[in-house]
Amino acid sequence: MKTLYFDCFSGISGDMILGTLINLGVDPQRLTQELEKLNVEGYNITFSKKLVNVISGSDVAVELTSDHLHTLEHIDKSNVNQHPHSHHGKSRNLEDCTRIIRSSNLSEWVKKHAVLVFEEVARAEAHVHGKSISDVHFHEIGAIDSIVDIVGTFIGLELLGVEKVYSSALHDGNGFITCAHGTMPVPVPAVAQMLASSERPIPYIQEDVPTELITPTGMAIIKTIAHDFGTLPQMNVQRIGYGTGKRDTGRMNALRGILGELQEECAQDQTVLLQANIDNQSGELLGYSMTRLLDEGALDVFYTPIYMKKNRPATMLSVLIKPEDEQKMTKIILAETTTLGVRAFRCPRYVMKRDFQSVETKFGAIKIKHSFLNDIEKYTPEYEECASLATKHHVPLREVYDAANYCILNQQWSNISK
């Protein structure tokens, strides 16, 4: 799986992300051609090489050329806190920005994710200013240069074929910055709100650098696209790129991107194992209990022969369930069996990814469960379909299985449904 890891040791901003993608191999001319699909005028975009602490990176600059753009509230130009020009004119709300994107000829994937970023910032700005989302009029984020940064990011990810994004902890500066609304603390309010409103922890580290390193655009993009935050995942590294910042922070001011193939690990989820020892219940009632538990959503139910006190032959009931079903399943066990108590164990489990495919045999179409993880693949004919076909054609079940496995070995798929 093509994976990109952003190492945010000096913060993150929209143009630093774009520079990183260019340095990783995105063709600037192709990126510019795709951005033209926005049908937006009033800017020029330039690409150049830049040395930062003797490390070569790519710099992306969007120059506004039209005086109809509104005042920028807070410039997202790689930690630049003051812009040499003020642009006065009509401001844009969320609807204006999303209309520009959705009416373009860009891919649906690019449009969908670019809109998600604007919505992320709109929610943060609405909370900070005590307004509804529809009443938020963007300054920094609504400017053409930031539209270019956001949309350009997803164009670049698409051109690189990136399937999953990870990020390091986010490093920021401290102190105060000056912007259109006056003096603000670092992190700036919109960034702080995006951190606070995240449903998952986003590691945030303040460095001894007296300025902001994380801009609202950068924060919104990485929060939207990052699958997880932390250390570099296990991957085969293929390329490393740097997107340079504009400000001299007294240290290396750049964003590092590490591109490679992710070595996927087994997915892990949580289950609960419920158990009860039963020595005074008939087989008929135990059989019904199993059926009832499976019908109610148990992942698995099984019985194990055991010996209890006084050498009594007995049965241990084991029920594997989802954590949210614990109370429901416990009540069913207590109601349907003679046990007086139920043991509960938290059981993390590792699972392979899976989808379903289909093979066409002489007996008919048979659904195949396809399980996979990196170079491990398993194919299993679905029992119920095989049994139904065996009954229909009056043949042993083994013959239907053999027919399905023959098609699997020869990769004779009739269709694929994922």
Protein backbone atom coordinates (compact mmCIF):
# COMPACT_ATOMS: atom_id res chain seq x y z
CA MET A 1 0.00 0.00 0.00
CA LYS A 2 1.50 3.33 -1.12
CA THR A 3 1.94 5.30 2.11
CA LEU A 4 3.10 8.84 2.91
CA TYR A 5 4.41 9.85 6.32
CA PHE A 6 4.62 13.55 7.19
CA ASP A 7 7.39 14.36 9.66
CA CYS A 8 6.21 17.66 11.16
CA PHE A 9 9.35 18.51 13.15
CA SER A 10 8.94 22.18 12.20
CA GLY A 11 5.17 22.42 12.02
CA ILE A 12 2.96 22.20 8.96
CA SER A 13 1.27 24.59 6.54
CA GLY A 14 -0.50 24.35 3.21
CA ASP A 15 2.38 25.47 1.02
CA MET A 16 4.86 23.28 2.92
CA ILE A 17 2.65 20.28 2.14
CA LEU A 18 2.55 21.26 -1.53
CA GLY A 19 6.33 21.71 -1.60
CA THR A 20 6.82 18.29 -0.05
CA LEU A 21 4.62 16.63 -2.68
CA ILE A 22 6.54 18.40 -5.45
CA ASN A 23 9.85 17.28 -3.93
CA LEU A 24 8.53 13.72 -3.79
CA GLY A 25 7.90 13.67 -7.52
CA VAL A 26 4.67 15.47 -8.43
CA ASP A 27 5.16 17.19 -11.80
CA PRO A 28 4.66 20.96 -11.26
CA GLN A 29 3.25 21.38 -14.75
CA ARG A 30 0.73 18.59 -14.23
CA LEU A 31 -0.27 20.07 -10.87
CA THR A 32 -0.79 23.49 -12.47
CA GLN A 33 -2.90 21.96 -15.24
CA GLU A 34 -5.11 20.22 -12.69
CA LEU A 35 -5.51 23.42 -10.65
CA GLU A 36 -6.77 25.19 -13.77
CA LYS A 37 -9.86 22.96 -13.50
CA LEU A 38 -10.92 25.17 -10.57
CA ASN A 39 -11.69 27.89 -13.13
CA VAL A 40 -10.29 30.50 -10.73
CA GLU A 41 -8.19 33.46 -11.80
CA GLY A 42 -6.19 36.04 -9.91
CA TYR A 43 -3.08 34.11 -8.93
CA ASN A 44 0.26 32.82 -10.18
CA ILE A 45 1.95 29.75 -8.73
CA THR A 46 5.72 29.35 -8.84
CA PHE A 47 7.95 26.41 -7.94
CA SER A 48 11.61 26.64 -6.99
CA LYS A 49 14.41 24.78 -5.25
CA LYS A 50 15.57 26.10 -1.90
CA LEU A 51 18.37 25.20 0.51
CA VAL A 52 17.39 25.07 4.17
CA ASN A 53 20.26 24.24 6.54
CA VAL A 54 22.10 22.85 3.47
CA ILE A 55 19.17 20.50 2.76
CA SER A 56 17.55 20.90 -0.66
CA GLY A 57 13.78 21.18 -0.74
CA SER A 58 10.96 22.54 -2.88
CA ASP A 59 9.32 25.90 -2.33
CA VAL A 60 5.84 26.71 -3.61
CA ALA A 61 4.61 30.30 -3.73
CA VAL A 62 1.15 31.52 -4.71
CA GLU A 63 1.14 35.18 -5.71
CA LEU A 64 -2.23 36.93 -5.78
CA THR A 65 -2.69 39.15 -8.82
CA SER A 66 -6.26 40.37 -8.48
CA ASP A 67 -7.38 43.19 -6.18
CA HIS A 68 -10.85 41.68 -5.72
CA LEU A 69 -9.57 39.28 -3.05
CA HIS A 70 -10.47 40.11 0.53
CA THR A 71 -8.14 40.89 3.41
CA LEU A 72 -6.27 37.83 4.62
CA GLU A 73 -6.88 37.31 8.32
CA HIS A 74 -3.94 35.07 8.89
CA ILE A 75 -1.50 34.11 6.18
CA ASP A 76 -0.84 30.37 5.70
CA LYS A 77 2.52 30.81 4.10
CA SER A 78 4.78 28.44 5.94
CA ASN A 79 4.82 30.24 9.26
CA VAL A 80 4.92 33.77 7.77
CA ASN A 81 2.92 35.95 10.12
CA GLN A 82 2.92 39.19 8.16
CA HIS A 83 2.17 39.56 4.48
CA PRO A 84 3.52 42.45 2.40
CA HIS A 85 0.15 43.12 0.80
CA SER A 86 -3.42 43.52 1.97
CA HIS A 87 -6.20 42.37 -0.33
CA HIS A 88 -9.56 44.03 0.13
CA GLY A 89 -12.80 42.91 -1.42
CA LYS A 90 -15.56 40.36 -1.08
CA SER A 91 -15.13 37.74 1.65
CA ARG A 92 -16.13 34.11 1.17
CA ASN A 93 -18.14 31.79 3.35
CA LEU A 94 -18.09 28.00 3.35
CA GLU A 95 -20.74 27.78 0.64
CA ASP A 96 -18.72 30.04 -1.67
CA CYS A 97 -15.55 27.99 -1.24
CA THR A 98 -17.23 24.62 -1.66
CA ARG A 99 -19.11 25.85 -4.74
CA ILE A 100 -15.80 26.69 -6.42
CA ILE A 101 -14.50 23.19 -5.71
CA ARG A 102 -17.64 21.19 -6.51
CA SER A 103 -18.26 22.99 -9.80
CA SER A 104 -14.75 22.15 -11.03
CA ASN A 105 -13.76 19.27 -13.31
CA LEU A 106 -11.44 17.75 -10.70
CA SER A 107 -11.84 14.13 -9.64
CA GLU A 108 -14.57 13.33 -7.13
CA TRP A 109 -11.93 12.15 -4.65
CA VAL A 110 -10.10 15.48 -4.77
CA LYS A 111 -13.31 17.49 -4.46
CA LYS A 112 -14.66 15.42 -1.57
CA HIS A 113 -11.52 15.72 0.56
CA ALA A 114 -10.89 19.38 -0.22
CA VAL A 115 -14.43 20.19 0.94
CA LEU A 116 -13.83 18.20 4.14
CA VAL A 117 -10.85 20.44 4.93
CA PHE A 118 -12.88 23.62 4.45
CA GLU A 119 -15.63 22.22 6.65
CA GLU A 120 -13.07 21.40 9.35
CA VAL A 121 -11.83 24.99 9.44
CA ALA A 122 -15.36 26.39 9.26
CA ARG A 123 -16.37 24.46 12.38
CA ALA A 124 -13.31 25.70 14.25
CA GLU A 125 -13.77 29.32 13.18
CA ALA A 126 -17.48 29.20 14.04
CA HIS A 127 -16.68 27.98 17.55
CA VAL A 128 -13.92 30.55 18.09
CA HIS A 129 -16.03 33.50 16.92
CA GLY A 130 -19.33 32.31 18.40
CA LYS A 131 -21.10 32.12 15.04
CA SER A 132 -22.90 29.50 12.99
CA ILE A 133 -20.92 27.81 10.24
CA SER A 134 -22.94 29.60 7.55
CA ASP A 135 -22.10 32.98 9.11
CA VAL A 136 -18.34 32.40 9.11
CA HIS A 137 -16.64 34.50 6.45
CA PHE A 138 -13.16 33.26 5.82
CA HIS A 139 -10.20 35.54 5.63
CA GLU A 140 -7.10 33.37 5.51
CA ILE A 141 -8.81 30.11 4.55
CA GLY A 142 -11.10 31.69 1.96
CA ALA A 143 -8.28 33.30 0.03
CA ILE A 144 -7.35 31.96 -3.37
CA ASP A 145 -3.87 31.00 -2.21
CA SER A 146 -5.30 28.72 0.47
CA ILE A 147 -7.82 27.21 -1.94
CA VAL A 148 -4.85 26.40 -4.15
CA ASP A 149 -2.93 24.90 -1.20
CA ILE A 150 -5.82 22.70 -0.11
CA VAL A 151 -6.98 21.50 -3.51
CA GLY A 152 -3.37 21.17 -4.68
CA THR A 153 -2.63 18.87 -1.76
CA PHE A 154 -5.24 16.34 -2.83
CA ILE A 155 -4.27 16.64 -6.48
CA GLY A 156 -0.68 15.84 -5.45
CA LEU A 157 -1.69 12.89 -3.29
CA GLU A 158 -3.75 11.52 -6.17
CA LEU A 159 -0.92 11.96 -8.68
CA LEU A 160 1.49 10.14 -6.35
CA GLY A 161 -1.00 7.32 -5.88
CA VAL A 162 -0.94 7.68 -2.08
CA GLU A 163 -3.43 5.34 -0.41
CA LYS A 164 -2.75 6.08 3.25
CA VAL A 165 -1.22 9.00 5.17
CA TYR A 166 0.41 8.99 8.59
CA SER A 167 1.85 11.89 10.57
CA SER A 168 4.32 12.49 13.35
CA ALA A 169 3.43 14.50 16.43
CA LEU A 170 2.72 18.12 15.49
CA HIS A 171 5.43 20.57 16.60
CA ASP A 172 4.47 24.18 17.16
CA GLY A 173 6.11 27.33 18.47
CA ASN A 174 4.98 29.51 21.38
CA GLY A 175 4.31 33.11 22.33
CA PHE A 176 2.15 35.43 20.25
CA ILE A 177 1.69 36.38 16.61
CA THR A 178 0.27 39.47 14.96
CA CYS A 179 -2.45 39.08 12.32
CA ALA A 180 -5.43 40.99 10.91
CA HIS A 181 -7.42 40.53 14.16
CA GLY A 182 -4.57 41.70 16.37
CA THR A 183 -2.24 39.77 18.64
CA MET A 184 -3.07 36.09 19.18
CA PRO A 185 -1.49 33.35 21.27
CA VAL A 186 0.20 30.29 19.79
CA PRO A 187 -1.40 27.94 18.92
CA VAL A 188 -3.74 30.32 17.16
CA PRO A 189 -7.40 29.87 18.25
CA ALA A 190 -8.52 27.93 15.15
CA VAL A 191 -5.65 25.46 15.49
CA ALA A 192 -6.30 25.07 19.22
CA GLN A 193 -9.98 24.37 18.55
CA MET A 194 -9.18 21.75 15.92
CA LEU A 195 -6.95 20.02 18.45
CA ALA A 196 -9.63 20.16 21.14
CA SER A 197 -12.43 18.93 18.88
CA SER A 198 -10.55 15.92 17.54
CA GLU A 199 -12.24 12.57 18.24
CA ARG A 200 -8.80 10.93 18.48
CA PRO A 201 -5.70 12.17 20.30
CA ILE A 202 -3.40 14.34 18.16
CA PRO A 203 0.03 14.61 19.80
CA TYR A 204 1.01 18.28 20.06
CA ILE A 205 4.43 19.55 21.16
CA GLN A 206 5.42 23.18 21.75
CA GLU A 207 9.02 24.09 20.93
CA ASP A 208 11.10 27.08 22.05
CA VAL A 209 10.42 28.98 18.82
CA PRO A 210 8.72 32.39 19.31
CA THR A 211 6.15 32.11 16.50
CA GLU A 212 3.51 29.79 15.11
CA LEU A 213 4.65 26.72 13.20
CA ILE A 214 1.21 25.19 12.59
CA THR A 215 -1.24 27.17 10.48
CA PRO A 216 -5.01 26.57 10.32
CA THR A 217 -4.78 25.25 6.77
CA GLY A 218 -1.94 22.89 7.65
CA MET A 219 -3.77 21.69 10.75
CA ALA A 220 -7.03 21.11 8.89
CA ILE A 221 -5.34 19.16 6.11
CA ILE A 222 -3.32 16.85 8.34
CA LYS A 223 -6.28 16.27 10.68
CA THR A 224 -8.41 15.30 7.69
CA ILE A 225 -5.97 13.03 5.87
CA ALA A 226 -3.89 11.37 8.60
CA HIS A 227 -4.86 7.78 9.33
CA ASP A 228 -2.91 7.98 12.58
CA PHE A 229 -0.33 10.08 14.44
CA GLY A 230 2.91 8.77 15.92
CA THR A 231 6.20 7.24 14.86
CA LEU A 232 7.05 6.13 11.35
CA PRO A 233 5.07 2.96 10.55
CA GLN A 234 6.82 -0.15 9.29
CA MET A 235 7.33 0.55 5.60
CA ASN A 236 9.76 0.12 2.73
CA VAL A 237 10.99 3.69 2.18
CA GLN A 238 11.23 4.65 -1.50
CA ARG A 239 11.64 8.43 -1.53
CA ILE A 240 12.10 11.38 0.84
CA GLY A 241 11.12 14.96 0.08
CA TYR A 242 11.16 18.35 1.81
CA GLY A 243 8.76 21.27 1.52
CA THR A 244 10.47 24.43 2.70
CA GLY A 245 9.08 27.25 4.81
CA LYS A 246 9.44 30.96 4.19
CA ARG A 247 10.49 32.20 7.64
CA ASP A 248 13.88 32.01 9.31
CA THR A 249 13.03 30.35 12.63
CA GLY A 250 16.64 29.82 13.69
CA ARG A 251 16.41 26.13 12.87
CA MET A 252 15.54 23.97 9.88
CA ASN A 253 12.11 25.15 8.75
CA ALA A 254 10.73 22.44 6.49
CA LEU A 255 8.24 19.60 6.32
CA ARG A 256 9.62 16.16 5.53
CA GLY A 257 7.64 13.57 3.58
CA ILE A 258 8.60 9.90 3.56
CA LEU A 259 7.03 7.89 0.74
CA GLY A 260 7.01 4.12 0.57
CA GLU A 261 5.11 0.85 0.72
CA LEU A 262 3.44 0.05 4.01
CA GLN A 263 4.10 -3.37 5.47
CA GLU A 264 0.65 -3.99 6.81
CA GLU A 265 0.26 -5.63 10.17
CA CYS A 266 -2.68 -7.72 11.22
CA ALA A 267 -5.63 -5.52 12.13
CA GLN A 268 -6.49 -5.69 15.81
CA ASP A 269 -9.88 -5.25 17.38
CA GLN A 270 -11.43 -5.95 20.77
CA THR A 271 -13.71 -8.84 21.66
CA VAL A 272 -15.13 -10.25 24.90
CA LEU A 273 -15.14 -13.95 25.77
CA LEU A 274 -18.03 -15.06 27.99
CA GLN A 275 -17.77 -18.48 29.65
CA ALA A 276 -19.94 -20.60 31.90
CA ASN A 277 -19.60 -24.17 33.26
CA ILE A 278 -22.84 -26.19 33.03
CA ASP A 279 -23.38 -29.65 34.56
CA ASN A 280 -27.16 -29.97 34.81
CA GLN A 281 -28.68 -29.13 31.41
CA SER A 282 -29.77 -31.37 28.54
CA GLY A 283 -28.19 -31.36 25.10
CA GLU A 284 -31.42 -30.16 23.48
CA LEU A 285 -31.51 -27.01 25.63
CA LEU A 286 -27.80 -26.35 25.12
CA GLY A 287 -28.29 -26.65 21.37
CA TYR A 288 -31.09 -24.09 21.49
CA SER A 289 -28.94 -21.76 23.59
CA MET A 290 -26.22 -21.84 20.95
CA THR A 291 -28.70 -21.04 18.17
CA ARG A 292 -30.19 -18.18 20.17
CA LEU A 293 -26.78 -16.62 20.91
CA LEU A 294 -25.68 -16.82 17.26
CA ASP A 295 -28.97 -15.33 16.08
CA GLU A 296 -28.48 -12.41 18.50
CA GLY A 297 -25.09 -11.54 17.00
CA ALA A 298 -22.45 -13.66 18.78
CA LEU A 299 -19.24 -13.91 16.75
CA ASP A 300 -18.77 -17.54 17.74
CA VAL A 301 -20.27 -20.05 20.19
CA PHE A 302 -18.75 -23.41 21.15
CA TYR A 303 -18.93 -26.11 23.81
CA THR A 304 -16.00 -27.90 25.47
CA PRO A 305 -16.36 -31.18 27.45
CA ILE A 306 -14.96 -30.70 30.99
CA TYR A 307 -15.01 -32.38 34.39
CA MET A 308 -16.26 -30.41 37.37
CA LYS A 309 -16.15 -31.07 41.11
CA LYS A 310 -17.18 -34.55 42.29
CA ASN A 311 -15.93 -35.79 38.87
CA ARG A 312 -19.11 -34.71 37.13
CA PRO A 313 -18.95 -34.65 33.30
CA ALA A 314 -20.01 -31.17 32.23
CA THR A 315 -19.91 -28.62 29.43
CA MET A 316 -18.13 -25.27 29.24
CA LEU A 317 -20.01 -22.74 27.15
CA SER A 318 -17.80 -20.14 25.39
CA VAL A 319 -19.28 -17.14 23.59
CA LEU A 320 -17.14 -14.66 21.62
CA ILE A 321 -18.88 -11.30 21.24
CA LYS A 322 -18.41 -7.63 20.46
CA PRO A 323 -17.76 -5.49 23.56
CA GLU A 324 -20.97 -3.52 23.11
CA ASP A 325 -23.02 -6.76 23.28
CA GLU A 326 -21.66 -7.90 26.65
CA GLN A 327 -24.70 -7.09 28.78
CA LYS A 328 -27.19 -8.42 26.24
CA MET A 329 -25.36 -11.73 25.74
CA THR A 330 -24.81 -12.22 29.47
CA LYS A 331 -28.55 -11.92 30.08
CA ILE A 332 -29.28 -14.47 27.34
CA ILE A 333 -26.82 -16.97 28.86
CA LEU A 334 -28.36 -16.55 32.30
CA ALA A 335 -31.88 -16.89 30.89
CA GLU A 336 -31.31 -19.86 28.55
CA THR A 337 -28.92 -22.00 30.61
CA THR A 338 -28.81 -23.29 34.19
CA THR A 339 -25.59 -21.47 35.07
CA LEU A 340 -25.64 -19.05 37.99
CA GLY A 341 -22.72 -16.92 36.79
CA VAL A 342 -20.81 -15.87 33.68
CA ARG A 343 -17.08 -15.14 33.42
CA ALA A 344 -15.95 -12.29 31.14
CA PHE A 345 -12.50 -11.89 29.56
CA ARG A 346 -11.25 -9.01 27.40
CA CYS A 347 -9.74 -10.59 24.29
CA PRO A 348 -7.88 -8.50 21.70
CA ARG A 349 -7.74 -10.38 18.41
CA TYR A 350 -5.81 -10.07 15.16
CA VAL A 351 -7.72 -10.43 11.91
CA MET A 352 -6.84 -10.53 8.22
CA LYS A 353 -8.57 -8.22 5.78
CA ARG A 354 -11.25 -9.85 3.69
CA ASP A 355 -13.58 -9.36 0.76
CA PHE A 356 -15.82 -11.61 -1.31
CA GLN A 357 -15.34 -12.81 -4.85
CA SER A 358 -17.25 -15.28 -6.99
CA VAL A 359 -16.41 -18.25 -9.21
CA GLU A 360 -18.63 -19.80 -11.84
CA THR A 361 -18.68 -23.62 -11.60
CA LYS A 362 -20.66 -26.27 -13.47
CA PHE A 363 -23.01 -26.28 -10.50
CA GLY A 364 -23.49 -22.50 -10.52
CA ALA A 365 -21.91 -19.37 -9.02
CA ILE A 366 -20.25 -19.80 -5.61
CA LYS A 367 -19.18 -16.96 -3.34
CA ILE A 368 -15.56 -17.13 -2.17
CA LYS A 369 -14.25 -15.47 0.99
CA HIS A 370 -10.88 -13.87 0.17
CA SER A 371 -8.66 -13.15 3.20
CA PHE A 372 -5.36 -11.32 2.73
CA LEU A 373 -2.45 -9.61 4.47
CA ASN A 374 0.61 -8.53 2.49
CA ASP A 375 1.75 -11.72 0.72
CA ILE A 376 -0.62 -14.04 2.63
CA GLU A 377 -3.84 -14.95 0.82
CA LYS A 378 -6.56 -17.47 1.60
CA TYR A 379 -9.65 -18.44 -0.40
CA THR A 380 -12.57 -20.28 1.18
CA PRO A 381 -15.81 -21.33 -0.57
CA GLU A 382 -18.88 -20.30 1.39
CA TYR A 383 -20.40 -23.39 2.99
CA GLU A 384 -24.06 -22.40 2.73
CA GLU A 385 -23.85 -21.81 -1.02
CA CYS A 386 -21.95 -25.05 -1.60
CA ALA A 387 -24.45 -27.02 0.49
CA SER A 388 -27.39 -25.48 -1.38
CA LEU A 389 -25.90 -26.40 -4.76
CA ALA A 390 -25.08 -29.92 -3.60
CA THR A 391 -28.71 -30.41 -2.58
CA LYS A 392 -30.01 -28.85 -5.79
CA HIS A 393 -27.89 -31.07 -8.06
CA HIS A 394 -28.05 -34.20 -5.86
CA VAL A 395 -24.27 -34.51 -5.63
CA PRO A 396 -21.93 -34.94 -2.66
CA LEU A 397 -20.89 -31.69 -1.02
CA ARG A 398 -17.26 -32.61 -1.65
CA GLU A 399 -17.80 -32.38 -5.44
CA VAL A 400 -19.09 -28.82 -5.18
CA TYR A 401 -16.13 -27.84 -3.01
CA ASP A 402 -13.73 -29.45 -5.50
CA ALA A 403 -15.30 -27.51 -8.37
CA ALA A 404 -14.97 -24.23 -6.47
CA ASN A 405 -11.37 -24.91 -5.47
CA TYR A 406 -10.47 -25.78 -9.07
CA CYS A 407 -11.68 -22.35 -10.19
CA ILE A 408 -9.78 -20.72 -7.33
CA LEU A 409 -6.53 -22.41 -8.31
CA ASN A 410 -7.01 -21.28 -11.89
CA GLN A 411 -8.21 -17.78 -10.87
CA GLN A 412 -11.41 -18.19 -12.83
CA TRP A 413 -13.35 -15.33 -11.27
CA SER A 414 -16.71 -14.55 -12.73
CA ASN A 415 -17.03 -11.26 -10.87
CA ILE A 416 -15.60 -9.45 -7.88
CA SER A 417 -17.61 -7.72 -5.18
CA LYS A 418 -15.65 -5.84 -2.53
